N, C-alpha and C. Protein backbone atom coordinates (compact mmCIF):
# COMPACT_ATOMS: atom_id res chain seq x y z
N PRO A 1 11.75 37.94 -15.01
CA PRO A 1 13.44 39.07 -14.83
C PRO A 1 12.89 40.42 -14.51
N GLY A 2 13.55 40.95 -14.15
CA GLY A 2 13.18 42.24 -13.29
C GLY A 2 13.14 41.63 -11.75
N GLN A 3 12.80 40.59 -10.93
CA GLN A 3 12.04 40.61 -9.63
C GLN A 3 13.20 40.62 -8.75
N THR A 4 13.11 41.20 -7.02
CA THR A 4 14.48 40.93 -6.90
C THR A 4 13.99 39.76 -5.25
N ILE A 5 15.38 38.84 -5.68
CA ILE A 5 15.17 37.73 -4.74
C ILE A 5 16.25 37.91 -3.25
N LEU A 6 15.27 37.80 -2.42
CA LEU A 6 15.75 38.13 -0.76
C LEU A 6 16.88 36.98 -0.46
N ASP A 7 17.30 36.39 0.32
CA ASP A 7 18.17 35.91 0.74
C ASP A 7 18.59 35.86 1.90
N PRO A 8 17.60 35.89 3.55
CA PRO A 8 18.21 36.45 4.59
C PRO A 8 18.97 35.22 5.10
N PHE A 9 20.23 33.83 4.48
CA PHE A 9 20.72 32.78 5.19
C PHE A 9 21.30 33.06 3.51
N MET A 10 22.40 33.42 3.00
CA MET A 10 22.62 33.11 1.68
C MET A 10 23.86 32.07 2.06
N GLY A 11 24.45 32.19 3.20
CA GLY A 11 25.12 30.88 2.80
C GLY A 11 26.18 30.69 1.57
N SER A 12 26.33 30.11 1.49
CA SER A 12 27.25 30.06 -0.22
C SER A 12 27.22 30.37 -0.90
N GLY A 13 25.74 30.79 -1.29
CA GLY A 13 25.22 31.82 -2.92
C GLY A 13 24.95 31.68 -3.55
N THR A 14 24.00 30.24 -3.52
CA THR A 14 23.52 28.97 -4.72
C THR A 14 22.02 30.35 -4.63
N THR A 15 20.93 30.19 -4.19
CA THR A 15 20.44 31.39 -4.13
C THR A 15 20.05 32.59 -5.20
N GLY A 16 21.85 32.87 -4.45
CA GLY A 16 22.32 33.93 -5.69
C GLY A 16 22.52 33.82 -7.24
N ILE A 17 23.10 32.91 -7.32
CA ILE A 17 23.47 32.05 -8.41
C ILE A 17 22.95 31.70 -9.32
N SER A 18 21.00 31.61 -8.88
CA SER A 18 20.03 30.59 -9.18
C SER A 18 19.69 31.82 -9.91
N ALA A 19 19.37 33.62 -9.25
CA ALA A 19 18.48 34.54 -9.61
C ALA A 19 19.42 35.61 -9.97
N VAL A 20 21.40 35.16 -10.88
CA VAL A 20 21.46 36.74 -11.11
C VAL A 20 20.96 35.90 -13.12
N LYS A 21 21.07 34.58 -12.82
CA LYS A 21 21.09 33.57 -13.95
C LYS A 21 19.64 33.95 -15.06
N LEU A 22 19.13 33.96 -14.02
CA LEU A 22 17.27 34.45 -14.03
C LEU A 22 16.71 35.35 -14.28
N ALA A 23 18.21 36.62 -14.51
CA ALA A 23 17.44 37.76 -14.79
C ALA A 23 17.23 38.97 -13.35
N ARG A 24 17.46 37.99 -12.09
CA ARG A 24 16.67 38.92 -11.06
C ARG A 24 17.50 39.51 -10.09
N SER A 25 17.02 40.89 -9.49
CA SER A 25 17.92 41.15 -8.19
C SER A 25 18.66 40.43 -7.15
N PHE A 26 19.66 40.70 -7.25
CA PHE A 26 19.59 39.79 -5.47
C PHE A 26 20.31 40.41 -4.19
N ILE A 27 19.27 40.49 -3.64
CA ILE A 27 19.94 40.90 -2.30
C ILE A 27 20.17 39.31 -1.27
N GLY A 28 21.26 39.37 -0.64
CA GLY A 28 21.96 38.16 0.00
C GLY A 28 22.71 39.19 1.56
N ILE A 29 22.19 38.18 2.65
CA ILE A 29 22.67 38.33 3.90
C ILE A 29 23.05 36.96 5.17
N GLU A 30 24.13 37.86 5.12
CA GLU A 30 24.81 35.73 5.36
C GLU A 30 26.24 36.96 6.97
N LYS A 31 25.77 36.63 8.01
CA LYS A 31 26.59 37.27 9.68
C LYS A 31 27.52 36.63 9.26
N GLU A 32 27.72 35.41 8.37
CA GLU A 32 29.11 34.61 8.76
C GLU A 32 30.67 35.65 7.15
N PRO A 33 31.60 35.85 7.94
CA PRO A 33 32.08 37.25 6.43
C PRO A 33 32.52 35.92 6.41
N LYS A 34 32.87 34.48 6.15
CA LYS A 34 33.42 33.32 4.96
C LYS A 34 32.65 32.78 4.21
N TYR A 35 31.65 32.89 4.31
CA TYR A 35 30.58 32.47 3.97
C TYR A 35 30.30 33.25 2.94
N PHE A 36 30.03 34.91 3.34
CA PHE A 36 29.87 35.94 3.42
C PHE A 36 30.52 35.78 1.11
N ASP A 37 32.41 36.31 1.57
CA ASP A 37 33.04 36.42 1.01
C ASP A 37 33.04 35.14 -0.47
N ILE A 38 32.59 33.73 0.50
CA ILE A 38 32.16 32.28 -0.54
C ILE A 38 31.07 33.09 -1.45
N ALA A 39 30.24 33.25 -1.56
CA ALA A 39 29.36 33.64 -2.08
C ALA A 39 29.64 34.54 -2.95
N CYS A 40 29.80 35.56 -2.71
CA CYS A 40 30.10 36.48 -3.67
C CYS A 40 31.10 36.42 -4.56
N LYS A 41 32.06 35.49 -4.64
CA LYS A 41 32.86 34.59 -5.68
C LYS A 41 32.19 33.56 -6.21
N ARG A 42 31.52 33.17 -5.98
CA ARG A 42 30.40 32.06 -6.10
C ARG A 42 29.72 32.85 -7.55
N ILE A 43 29.16 33.96 -6.86
CA ILE A 43 27.91 35.11 -7.65
C ILE A 43 28.63 35.56 -9.03
N GLN A 44 29.91 36.11 -8.69
CA GLN A 44 30.27 36.22 -9.78
C GLN A 44 31.14 35.72 -10.66
N ALA A 45 31.80 33.73 -10.18
CA ALA A 45 32.21 33.31 -10.71
C ALA A 45 31.48 32.70 -11.82
N ALA A 46 30.00 32.89 -11.46
CA ALA A 46 28.48 32.46 -12.28
C ALA A 46 27.97 33.27 -13.14
N LEU A 47 28.13 35.13 -12.83
CA LEU A 47 28.19 36.18 -14.23
C LEU A 47 28.86 35.35 -14.87
N ASP A 48 30.21 35.30 -14.43
CA ASP A 48 31.35 35.41 -15.50
C ASP A 48 31.43 34.12 -17.30
N ALA A 49 30.56 33.05 -15.87
CA ALA A 49 30.72 32.15 -16.67
C ALA A 49 29.91 32.07 -18.38
N PRO A 50 29.97 31.30 -18.88
CA PRO A 50 28.57 31.25 -20.51
C PRO A 50 27.64 30.35 -20.03
N ASP A 51 26.51 30.54 -20.23
CA ASP A 51 25.46 29.85 -19.29
C ASP A 51 25.52 28.36 -20.78
N MET A 52 25.52 27.11 -20.03
CA MET A 52 25.86 26.56 -21.18
C MET A 52 24.26 25.70 -21.34
N PHE A 53 22.87 25.86 -20.55
CA PHE A 53 21.64 26.08 -21.67
C PHE A 53 21.30 26.91 -22.86
N VAL A 54 21.42 27.85 -22.34
CA VAL A 54 21.50 28.90 -23.82
C VAL A 54 22.10 28.57 -24.80
N GLU A 55 21.27 28.45 -25.23
CA GLU A 55 22.58 28.35 -26.52
C GLU A 55 22.74 29.65 -27.99
N ALA A 56 23.50 30.22 -28.58
CA ALA A 56 23.68 30.98 -28.85
C ALA A 56 23.24 31.59 -30.30
N PRO A 57 22.82 32.52 -30.61
CA PRO A 57 22.48 31.97 -32.00
C PRO A 57 23.19 32.52 -32.74
N LYS A 58 21.69 31.70 -33.75
CA LYS A 58 22.67 30.90 -35.63
C LYS A 58 22.88 32.42 -36.81
N PRO A 59 24.10 32.82 -36.99
CA PRO A 59 24.38 33.86 -38.12
C PRO A 59 23.51 33.72 -38.60
N ALA A 60 23.19 35.02 -39.81
CA ALA A 60 22.40 35.29 -40.25
C ALA A 60 22.39 34.95 -41.32
N LYS A 61 21.70 33.63 -42.50
CA LYS A 61 21.58 33.00 -43.56
C LYS A 61 21.15 33.94 -44.64
N GLN A 62 21.84 34.32 -45.73
CA GLN A 62 21.17 35.10 -46.39
C GLN A 62 20.92 34.59 -47.68
N GLU A 63 19.43 34.12 -48.30
CA GLU A 63 19.67 33.11 -49.54
C GLU A 63 19.19 34.06 -50.66
N ALA A 64 19.27 34.19 -51.71
CA ALA A 64 19.40 34.74 -53.21
C ALA A 64 17.93 34.41 -53.47
N MET A 65 17.60 34.98 -54.00
CA MET A 65 15.95 35.27 -54.44
C MET A 65 16.38 35.63 -55.88
N PHE A 66 15.34 34.58 -56.15
CA PHE A 66 15.26 34.10 -57.94
C PHE A 66 13.77 34.63 -58.08
């Protein structure tokens, strides 16, 4: 976490999605505006979606002490 990933040929943003899901900063370069827009939307959607592979913390259970 905290590292920066550079993708000079961003395409549809797959590397960017992986980077942000793994808590990395991401710099993507894409010369085609169409693919740049697609990548930005996909990366934002990945950030907005819950992570299916990370289990939410369970609520603390209070136990009586005897």
